[in-house]
PDB file of all heavy atoms in Angstrom:
ATOM      1  N   TYR A   1       0.802  -1.217   0.000  1.00  0.00           N
ATOM      2  CA  TYR A   1       0.000   0.000   0.000  1.00  0.00           C
ATOM      3  C   TYR A   1       0.840   1.273   0.000  1.00  0.00           C
ATOM      4  O   TYR A   1       0.300   2.366  -0.155  1.00  0.00           O
ATOM      5  CB  TYR A   1      -0.996   0.027   1.159  1.00  0.00           C
ATOM      6  CG  TYR A   1      -0.393   0.067   2.545  1.00  0.00           C
ATOM      7  CD1 TYR A   1      -0.032   1.273   3.133  1.00  0.00           C
ATOM      8  CD2 TYR A   1      -0.219  -1.104   3.272  1.00  0.00           C
ATOM      9  CE1 TYR A   1       0.507   1.308   4.409  1.00  0.00           C
ATOM     10  CE2 TYR A   1       0.316  -1.077   4.544  1.00  0.00           C
ATOM     11  CZ  TYR A   1       0.673   0.131   5.109  1.00  0.00           C
ATOM     12  OH  TYR A   1       1.203   0.178   6.379  1.00  0.00           O
ATOM     13  N   ALA A   2       2.153   1.136   0.170  1.00  0.00           N
ATOM     14  CA  ALA A   2       3.030   2.293   0.111  1.00  0.00           C
ATOM     15  C   ALA A   2       4.462   1.821  -0.080  1.00  0.00           C
ATOM     16  O   ALA A   2       4.807   0.692   0.266  1.00  0.00           O
ATOM     17  CB  ALA A   2       2.922   3.156   1.375  1.00  0.00           C
ATOM     18  N   ALA A   3       5.295   2.697  -0.618  1.00  0.00           N
ATOM     19  CA  ALA A   3       6.717   2.416  -0.761  1.00  0.00           C
ATOM     20  C   ALA A   3       7.486   3.718  -0.629  1.00  0.00           C
ATOM     21  O   ALA A   3       6.936   4.805  -0.844  1.00  0.00           O
ATOM     22  CB  ALA A   3       7.022   1.749  -2.100  1.00  0.00           C
ATOM     23  N   GLY A   4       8.755   3.599  -0.278  1.00  0.00           N
ATOM     24  CA  GLY A   4       9.543   4.801  -0.102  1.00  0.00           C
ATOM     25  C   GLY A   4      11.023   4.549  -0.224  1.00  0.00           C
ATOM     26  O   GLY A   4      11.472   3.416  -0.385  1.00  0.00           O
ATOM     27  N   TRP A   5      11.750   5.651  -0.159  1.00  0.00           N
ATOM     28  CA  TRP A   5      13.208   5.623  -0.193  1.00  0.00           C
ATOM     29  C   TRP A   5      13.759   6.240   1.081  1.00  0.00           C
ATOM     30  O   TRP A   5      13.305   7.305   1.516  1.00  0.00           O
ATOM     31  CB  TRP A   5      13.745   6.398  -1.399  1.00  0.00           C
ATOM     32  CG  TRP A   5      13.493   5.732  -2.713  1.00  0.00           C
ATOM     33  CD1 TRP A   5      12.425   5.886  -3.534  1.00  0.00           C
ATOM     34  CD2 TRP A   5      14.358   4.787  -3.361  1.00  0.00           C
ATOM     35  NE1 TRP A   5      12.556   5.109  -4.653  1.00  0.00           N
ATOM     36  CE2 TRP A   5      13.734   4.419  -4.572  1.00  0.00           C
ATOM     37  CE3 TRP A   5      15.589   4.222  -3.033  1.00  0.00           C
ATOM     38  CZ2 TRP A   5      14.305   3.513  -5.465  1.00  0.00           C
ATOM     39  CZ3 TRP A   5      16.154   3.314  -3.914  1.00  0.00           C
ATOM     40  CH2 TRP A   5      15.521   2.968  -5.109  1.00  0.00           C
ATOM     41  N   TYR A   6      14.719   5.568   1.669  1.00  0.00           N
ATOM     42  CA  TYR A   6      15.481   6.061   2.801  1.00  0.00           C
ATOM     43  C   TYR A   6      16.938   6.199   2.382  1.00  0.00           C
ATOM     44  O   TYR A   6      17.363   5.623   1.378  1.00  0.00           O
ATOM     45  CB  TYR A   6      15.402   5.100   3.984  1.00  0.00           C
ATOM     46  CG  TYR A   6      14.078   5.074   4.718  1.00  0.00           C
ATOM     47  CD1 TYR A   6      12.956   4.496   4.148  1.00  0.00           C
ATOM     48  CD2 TYR A   6      13.977   5.596   6.007  1.00  0.00           C
ATOM     49  CE1 TYR A   6      11.755   4.452   4.825  1.00  0.00           C
ATOM     50  CE2 TYR A   6      12.778   5.549   6.698  1.00  0.00           C
ATOM     51  CZ  TYR A   6      11.670   4.976   6.103  1.00  0.00           C
ATOM     52  OH  TYR A   6      10.472   4.929   6.797  1.00  0.00           O
ATOM     53  N   ARG A   7      17.699   6.937   3.173  1.00  0.00           N
ATOM     54  CA  ARG A   7      19.132   7.008   2.923  1.00  0.00           C
ATOM     55  C   ARG A   7      19.879   7.098   4.244  1.00  0.00           C
ATOM     56  O   ARG A   7      19.344   7.556   5.250  1.00  0.00           O
ATOM     57  CB  ARG A   7      19.497   8.197   2.037  1.00  0.00           C
ATOM     58  CG  ARG A   7      19.331   9.557   2.691  1.00  0.00           C
ATOM     59  CD  ARG A   7      19.609  10.663   1.677  1.00  0.00           C
ATOM     60  NE  ARG A   7      19.538  11.985   2.278  1.00  0.00           N
ATOM     61  CZ  ARG A   7      19.613  13.123   1.607  1.00  0.00           C
ATOM     62  NH1 ARG A   7      19.773  13.102   0.282  1.00  0.00           N
ATOM     63  NH2 ARG A   7      19.540  14.284   2.246  1.00  0.00           N
ATOM     64  N   GLN A   8      21.117   6.646   4.220  1.00  0.00           N
ATOM     65  CA  GLN A   8      21.979   6.728   5.384  1.00  0.00           C
ATOM     66  C   GLN A   8      23.360   7.191   4.940  1.00  0.00           C
ATOM     67  O   GLN A   8      24.041   6.500   4.178  1.00  0.00           O
ATOM     68  CB  GLN A   8      22.075   5.385   6.106  1.00  0.00           C
ATOM     69  CG  GLN A   8      22.823   5.463   7.426  1.00  0.00           C
ATOM     70  CD  GLN A   8      22.578   4.250   8.301  1.00  0.00           C
ATOM     71  OE1 GLN A   8      22.226   3.181   7.817  1.00  0.00           O
ATOM     72  NE2 GLN A   8      22.754   4.421   9.594  1.00  0.00           N
ATOM     73  N   ALA A   9      23.750   8.358   5.409  1.00  0.00           N
ATOM     74  CA  ALA A   9      25.054   8.930   5.110  1.00  0.00           C
ATOM     75  C   ALA A   9      26.032   8.559   6.207  1.00  0.00           C
ATOM     76  O   ALA A   9      25.632   8.238   7.332  1.00  0.00           O
ATOM     77  CB  ALA A   9      24.946  10.445   4.983  1.00  0.00           C
ATOM     78  N   PRO A  10      27.330   8.615   5.925  1.00  0.00           N
ATOM     79  CA  PRO A  10      28.325   8.295   6.949  1.00  0.00           C
ATOM     80  C   PRO A  10      28.146   9.149   8.195  1.00  0.00           C
ATOM     81  O   PRO A  10      28.025  10.371   8.107  1.00  0.00           O
ATOM     82  CB  PRO A  10      29.650   8.604   6.252  1.00  0.00           C
ATOM     83  CG  PRO A  10      29.356   8.428   4.799  1.00  0.00           C
ATOM     84  CD  PRO A  10      27.958   8.920   4.625  1.00  0.00           C
ATOM     85  N   GLY A  11      28.106   8.498   9.350  1.00  0.00           N
ATOM     86  CA  GLY A  11      27.980   9.201  10.608  1.00  0.00           C
ATOM     87  C   GLY A  11      26.597   9.729  10.919  1.00  0.00           C
ATOM     88  O   GLY A  11      26.435  10.460  11.901  1.00  0.00           O
ATOM     89  N   LYS A  12      25.591   9.385  10.118  1.00  0.00           N
ATOM     90  CA  LYS A  12      24.244   9.889  10.328  1.00  0.00           C
ATOM     91  C   LYS A  12      23.244   8.737  10.433  1.00  0.00           C
ATOM     92  O   LYS A  12      23.518   7.615  10.018  1.00  0.00           O
ATOM     93  CB  LYS A  12      23.829  10.821   9.192  1.00  0.00           C
ATOM     94  CG  LYS A  12      24.696  12.053   9.045  1.00  0.00           C
ATOM     95  CD  LYS A  12      24.181  12.977   7.959  1.00  0.00           C
ATOM     96  CE  LYS A  12      22.842  13.588   8.327  1.00  0.00           C
ATOM     97  NZ  LYS A  12      22.370  14.544   7.284  1.00  0.00           N
ATOM     98  N   GLN A  13      22.086   9.041  11.000  1.00  0.00           N
ATOM     99  CA  GLN A  13      21.014   8.065  11.110  1.00  0.00           C
ATOM    100  C   GLN A  13      20.308   7.893   9.770  1.00  0.00           C
ATOM    101  O   GLN A  13      20.308   8.798   8.932  1.00  0.00           O
ATOM    102  CB  GLN A  13      20.010   8.504  12.174  1.00  0.00           C
ATOM    103  CG  GLN A  13      20.606   8.758  13.545  1.00  0.00           C
ATOM    104  CD  GLN A  13      19.891   8.001  14.636  1.00  0.00           C
ATOM    105  OE1 GLN A  13      18.926   7.277  14.380  1.00  0.00           O
ATOM    106  NE2 GLN A  13      20.354   8.151  15.863  1.00  0.00           N
ATOM    107  N   ARG A  14      19.704   6.736   9.580  1.00  0.00           N
ATOM    108  CA  ARG A  14      18.913   6.513   8.383  1.00  0.00           C
ATOM    109  C   ARG A  14      17.688   7.420   8.418  1.00  0.00           C
ATOM    110  O   ARG A  14      17.012   7.529   9.444  1.00  0.00           O
ATOM    111  CB  ARG A  14      18.493   5.051   8.281  1.00  0.00           C
ATOM    112  CG  ARG A  14      17.820   4.692   6.969  1.00  0.00           C
ATOM    113  CD  ARG A  14      17.569   3.197   6.838  1.00  0.00           C
ATOM    114  NE  ARG A  14      18.807   2.429   6.859  1.00  0.00           N
ATOM    115  CZ  ARG A  14      18.875   1.131   6.605  1.00  0.00           C
ATOM    116  NH1 ARG A  14      17.776   0.450   6.290  1.00  0.00           N
ATOM    117  NH2 ARG A  14      20.043   0.506   6.655  1.00  0.00           N
ATOM    118  N   GLU A  15      17.389   8.066   7.297  1.00  0.00           N
ATOM    119  CA  GLU A  15      16.299   9.019   7.241  1.00  0.00           C
ATOM    120  C   GLU A  15      15.398   8.752   6.048  1.00  0.00           C
ATOM    121  O   GLU A  15      15.849   8.293   4.999  1.00  0.00           O
ATOM    122  CB  GLU A  15      16.835  10.457   7.164  1.00  0.00           C
ATOM    123  CG  GLU A  15      17.646  10.747   5.915  1.00  0.00           C
ATOM    124  CD  GLU A  15      18.133  12.179   5.832  1.00  0.00           C
ATOM    125  OE1 GLU A  15      17.703  13.011   6.653  1.00  0.00           O
ATOM    126  OE2 GLU A  15      18.958  12.477   4.939  1.00  0.00           O
ATOM    127  N   LEU A  16      14.127   9.066   6.227  1.00  0.00           N
ATOM    128  CA  LEU A  16      13.166   8.950   5.143  1.00  0.00           C
ATOM    129  C   LEU A  16      13.386  10.079   4.152  1.00  0.00           C
ATOM    130  O   LEU A  16      13.423  11.251   4.529  1.00  0.00           O
ATOM    131  CB  LEU A  16      11.740   8.991   5.688  1.00  0.00           C
ATOM    132  CG  LEU A  16      10.616   8.949   4.649  1.00  0.00           C
ATOM    133  CD1 LEU A  16      10.619   7.614   3.916  1.00  0.00           C
ATOM    134  CD2 LEU A  16       9.268   9.192   5.309  1.00  0.00           C
ATOM    135  N   VAL A  17      13.496   9.728   2.882  1.00  0.00           N
ATOM    136  CA  VAL A  17      13.698  10.701   1.821  1.00  0.00           C
ATOM    137  C   VAL A  17      12.388  11.020   1.110  1.00  0.00           C
ATOM    138  O   VAL A  17      12.050  12.189   0.890  1.00  0.00           O
ATOM    139  CB  VAL A  17      14.739  10.195   0.802  1.00  0.00           C
ATOM    140  CG1 VAL A  17      14.861  11.155  -0.382  1.00  0.00           C
ATOM    141  CG2 VAL A  17      16.090  10.011   1.481  1.00  0.00           C
ATOM    142  N   ALA A  18      11.651   9.986   0.727  1.00  0.00           N
ATOM    143  CA  ALA A  18      10.419  10.165  -0.018  1.00  0.00           C
ATOM    144  C   ALA A  18       9.538   8.944   0.153  1.00  0.00           C
ATOM    145  O   ALA A  18      10.028   7.846   0.377  1.00  0.00           O
ATOM    146  CB  ALA A  18      10.706  10.402  -1.504  1.00  0.00           C
ATOM    147  N   ARG A  19       8.227   9.150   0.018  1.00  0.00           N
ATOM    148  CA  ARG A  19       7.262   8.072   0.172  1.00  0.00           C
ATOM    149  C   ARG A  19       6.121   8.286  -0.794  1.00  0.00           C
ATOM    150  O   ARG A  19       5.696   9.417  -1.022  1.00  0.00           O
ATOM    151  CB  ARG A  19       6.745   8.028   1.612  1.00  0.00           C
ATOM    152  CG  ARG A  19       5.838   6.853   1.963  1.00  0.00           C
ATOM    153  CD  ARG A  19       5.467   6.924   3.442  1.00  0.00           C
ATOM    154  NE  ARG A  19       4.750   5.753   3.914  1.00  0.00           N
ATOM    155  CZ  ARG A  19       3.422   5.645   3.943  1.00  0.00           C
ATOM    156  NH1 ARG A  19       2.660   6.646   3.506  1.00  0.00           N
ATOM    157  NH2 ARG A  19       2.858   4.535   4.408  1.00  0.00           N
ATOM    158  N   VAL A  20       5.610   7.203  -1.371  1.00  0.00           N
ATOM    159  CA  VAL A  20       4.442   7.256  -2.238  1.00  0.00           C
ATOM    160  C   VAL A  20       3.465   6.193  -1.777  1.00  0.00           C
ATOM    161  O   VAL A  20       3.851   5.069  -1.441  1.00  0.00           O
ATOM    162  CB  VAL A  20       4.817   7.078  -3.728  1.00  0.00           C
ATOM    163  CG1 VAL A  20       5.491   5.738  -3.971  1.00  0.00           C
ATOM    164  CG2 VAL A  20       3.589   7.242  -4.611  1.00  0.00           C
ATOM    165  N   ALA A  21       2.178   6.533  -1.728  1.00  0.00           N
ATOM    166  CA  ALA A  21       1.144   5.640  -1.248  1.00  0.00           C
ATOM    167  C   ALA A  21       0.122   5.344  -2.339  1.00  0.00           C
ATOM    168  O   ALA A  21       0.098   6.007  -3.383  1.00  0.00           O
ATOM    169  CB  ALA A  21       0.436   6.250  -0.037  1.00  0.00           C
ATOM    170  N   SER A  22      -0.707   4.342  -2.085  1.00  0.00           N
ATOM    171  CA  SER A  22      -1.816   4.062  -2.984  1.00  0.00           C
ATOM    172  C   SER A  22      -2.670   5.312  -3.126  1.00  0.00           C
ATOM    173  O   SER A  22      -2.943   6.012  -2.155  1.00  0.00           O
ATOM    174  CB  SER A  22      -2.664   2.915  -2.439  1.00  0.00           C
ATOM    175  OG  SER A  22      -1.917   1.725  -2.346  1.00  0.00           O
ATOM    176  N   GLY A  23      -3.073   5.594  -4.338  1.00  0.00           N
ATOM    177  CA  GLY A  23      -3.788   6.821  -4.610  1.00  0.00           C
ATOM    178  C   GLY A  23      -2.896   7.923  -5.139  1.00  0.00           C
ATOM    179  O   GLY A  23      -3.396   8.937  -5.630  1.00  0.00           O
ATOM    180  N   GLY A  24      -1.583   7.744  -5.020  1.00  0.00           N
ATOM    181  CA  GLY A  24      -0.643   8.669  -5.615  1.00  0.00           C
ATOM    182  C   GLY A  24      -0.093   9.758  -4.719  1.00  0.00           C
ATOM    183  O   GLY A  24       0.729  10.563  -5.167  1.00  0.00           O
ATOM    184  N   SER A  25      -0.519   9.819  -3.467  1.00  0.00           N
ATOM    185  CA  SER A  25      -0.002  10.852  -2.578  1.00  0.00           C
ATOM    186  C   SER A  25       1.480  10.627  -2.304  1.00  0.00           C
ATOM    187  O   SER A  25       1.939   9.484  -2.214  1.00  0.00           O
ATOM    188  CB  SER A  25      -0.786  10.896  -1.274  1.00  0.00           C
ATOM    189  OG  SER A  25      -0.643   9.681  -0.562  1.00  0.00           O
ATOM    190  N   THR A  26       2.233  11.707  -2.157  1.00  0.00           N
ATOM    191  CA  THR A  26       3.669  11.633  -1.924  1.00  0.00           C
ATOM    192  C   THR A  26       4.071  12.537  -0.768  1.00  0.00           C
ATOM    193  O   THR A  26       3.394  13.518  -0.456  1.00  0.00           O
ATOM    194  CB  THR A  26       4.469  12.035  -3.172  1.00  0.00           C
ATOM    195  OG1 THR A  26       4.090  13.361  -3.573  1.00  0.00           O
ATOM    196  CG2 THR A  26       4.206  11.074  -4.312  1.00  0.00           C
ATOM    197  N   ASN A  27       5.185  12.192  -0.140  1.00  0.00           N
ATOM    198  CA  ASN A  27       5.777  12.996   0.915  1.00  0.00           C
ATOM    199  C   ASN A  27       7.283  13.006   0.722  1.00  0.00           C
ATOM    200  O   ASN A  27       7.867  12.014   0.291  1.00  0.00           O
ATOM    201  CB  ASN A  27       5.433  12.442   2.298  1.00  0.00           C
ATOM    202  CG  ASN A  27       3.950  12.454   2.591  1.00  0.00           C
ATOM    203  OD1 ASN A  27       3.272  11.439   2.441  1.00  0.00           O
ATOM    204  ND2 ASN A  27       3.443  13.606   2.998  1.00  0.00           N
ATOM    205  N   TYR A  28       7.914  14.135   1.079  1.00  0.00           N
ATOM    206  CA  TYR A  28       9.347  14.304   0.911  1.00  0.00           C
ATOM    207  C   TYR A  28       9.961  14.933   2.142  1.00  0.00           C
ATOM    208  O   TYR A  28       9.337  15.761   2.812  1.00  0.00           O
ATOM    209  CB  TYR A  28       9.662  15.195  -0.285  1.00  0.00           C
ATOM    210  CG  TYR A  28       9.199  14.655  -1.612  1.00  0.00           C
ATOM    211  CD1 TYR A  28       7.945  14.982  -2.117  1.00  0.00           C
ATOM    212  CD2 TYR A  28      10.020  13.814  -2.356  1.00  0.00           C
ATOM    213  CE1 TYR A  28       7.522  14.484  -3.337  1.00  0.00           C
ATOM    214  CE2 TYR A  28       9.596  13.315  -3.575  1.00  0.00           C
ATOM    215  CZ  TYR A  28       8.348  13.651  -4.060  1.00  0.00           C
ATOM    216  OH  TYR A  28       7.926  13.157  -5.269  1.00  0.00           O
ATOM    217  N   ALA A  29      11.192  14.546   2.422  1.00  0.00           N
ATOM    218  CA  ALA A  29      11.962  15.265   3.419  1.00  0.00           C
ATOM    219  C   ALA A  29      12.201  16.687   2.927  1.00  0.00           C
ATOM    220  O   ALA A  29      12.393  16.918   1.731  1.00  0.00           O
ATOM    221  CB  ALA A  29      13.293  14.567   3.671  1.00  0.00           C
ATOM    222  N   ASP A  30      12.186  17.643   3.842  1.00  0.00           N
ATOM    223  CA  ASP A  30      12.347  19.043   3.459  1.00  0.00           C
ATOM    224  C   ASP A  30      13.620  19.283   2.654  1.00  0.00           C
ATOM    225  O   ASP A  30      13.627  20.090   1.720  1.00  0.00           O
ATOM    226  CB  ASP A  30      12.354  19.935   4.699  1.00  0.00           C
ATOM    227  CG  ASP A  30      10.983  20.065   5.336  1.00  0.00           C
ATOM    228  OD1 ASP A  30       9.974  19.779   4.665  1.00  0.00           O
ATOM    229  OD2 ASP A  30      10.928  20.462   6.521  1.00  0.00           O
ATOM    230  N   VAL A  31      14.679  18.588   2.969  1.00  0.00           N
ATOM    231  CA  VAL A  31      15.966  18.844   2.356  1.00  0.00           C
ATOM    232  C   VAL A  31      16.006  18.428   0.881  1.00  0.00           C
ATOM    233  O   VAL A  31      16.883  18.883   0.141  1.00  0.00           O
ATOM    234  CB  VAL A  31      17.091  18.139   3.153  1.00  0.00           C
ATOM    235  CG1 VAL A  31      17.027  16.631   2.970  1.00  0.00           C
ATOM    236  CG2 VAL A  31      18.450  18.680   2.770  1.00  0.00           C
ATOM    237  N   VAL A  32      15.049  17.600   0.438  1.00  0.00           N
ATOM    238  CA  VAL A  32      15.052  17.168  -0.962  1.00  0.00           C
ATOM    239  C   VAL A  32      13.863  17.700  -1.746  1.00  0.00           C
ATOM    240  O   VAL A  32      13.784  17.465  -2.960  1.00  0.00           O
ATOM    241  CB  VAL A  32      15.091  15.629  -1.087  1.00  0.00           C
ATOM    242  CG1 VAL A  32      16.248  15.054  -0.287  1.00  0.00           C
ATOM    243  CG2 VAL A  32      13.769  15.002  -0.663  1.00  0.00           C
ATOM    244  N   LYS A  33      12.969  18.414  -1.110  1.00  0.00           N
ATOM    245  CA  LYS A  33      11.791  18.944  -1.803  1.00  0.00           C
ATOM    246  C   LYS A  33      12.205  19.839  -2.968  1.00  0.00           C
ATOM    247  O   LYS A  33      13.076  20.685  -2.838  1.00  0.00           O
ATOM    248  CB  LYS A  33      10.902  19.729  -0.838  1.00  0.00           C
ATOM    249  CG  LYS A  33      10.093  18.864   0.104  1.00  0.00           C
ATOM    250  CD  LYS A  33       9.236  19.710   1.034  1.00  0.00           C
ATOM    251  CE  LYS A  33       8.431  18.837   1.972  1.00  0.00           C
ATOM    252  NZ  LYS A  33       7.653  19.650   2.945  1.00  0.00           N
ATOM    253  N   GLY A  34      11.556  19.625  -4.091  1.00  0.00           N
ATOM    254  CA  GLY A  34      11.865  20.394  -5.285  1.00  0.00           C
ATOM    255  C   GLY A  34      12.987  19.821  -6.111  1.00  0.00           C
ATOM    256  O   GLY A  34      13.180  20.244  -7.258  1.00  0.00           O
ATOM    257  N   ARG A  35      13.739  18.890  -5.564  1.00  0.00           N
ATOM    258  CA  ARG A  35      14.857  18.282  -6.280  1.00  0.00           C
ATOM    259  C   ARG A  35      14.619  16.810  -6.602  1.00  0.00           C
ATOM    260  O   ARG A  35      15.052  16.333  -7.652  1.00  0.00           O
ATOM    261  CB  ARG A  35      16.151  18.412  -5.473  1.00  0.00           C
ATOM    262  CG  ARG A  35      16.562  19.847  -5.190  1.00  0.00           C
ATOM    263  CD  ARG A  35      17.963  19.914  -4.590  1.00  0.00           C
ATOM    264  NE  ARG A  35      18.036  19.240  -3.297  1.00  0.00           N
ATOM    265  CZ  ARG A  35      18.845  18.211  -3.035  1.00  0.00           C
ATOM    266  NH1 ARG A  35      19.657  17.742  -3.968  1.00  0.00           N
ATOM    267  NH2 ARG A  35      18.857  17.673  -1.822  1.00  0.00           N
ATOM    268  N   PHE A  36      13.963  16.084  -5.693  1.00  0.00           N
ATOM    269  CA  PHE A  36      13.728  14.646  -5.863  1.00  0.00           C
ATOM    270  C   PHE A  36      12.256  14.394  -6.168  1.00  0.00           C
ATOM    271  O   PHE A  36      11.371  15.103  -5.676  1.00  0.00           O
ATOM    272  CB  PHE A  36      14.094  13.877  -4.592  1.00  0.00           C
ATOM    273  CG  PHE A  36      15.567  13.815  -4.278  1.00  0.00           C
ATOM    274  CD1 PHE A  36      16.496  14.582  -4.961  1.00  0.00           C
ATOM    275  CD2 PHE A  36      16.021  12.972  -3.269  1.00  0.00           C
ATOM    276  CE1 PHE A  36      17.847  14.529  -4.661  1.00  0.00           C
ATOM    277  CE2 PHE A  36      17.367  12.903  -2.956  1.00  0.00           C
ATOM    278  CZ  PHE A  36      18.281  13.685  -3.651  1.00  0.00           C
TER     279      PHE A  36
END
């Protein structure tokens, strides 16, 4: 019912980057909005 992308940089915690759900709704981390 949903899928997303996470990322983990050296020395940092894993963070949610983007998510898409059934119906087409999406969410993005503020740092990637407008770029991803």
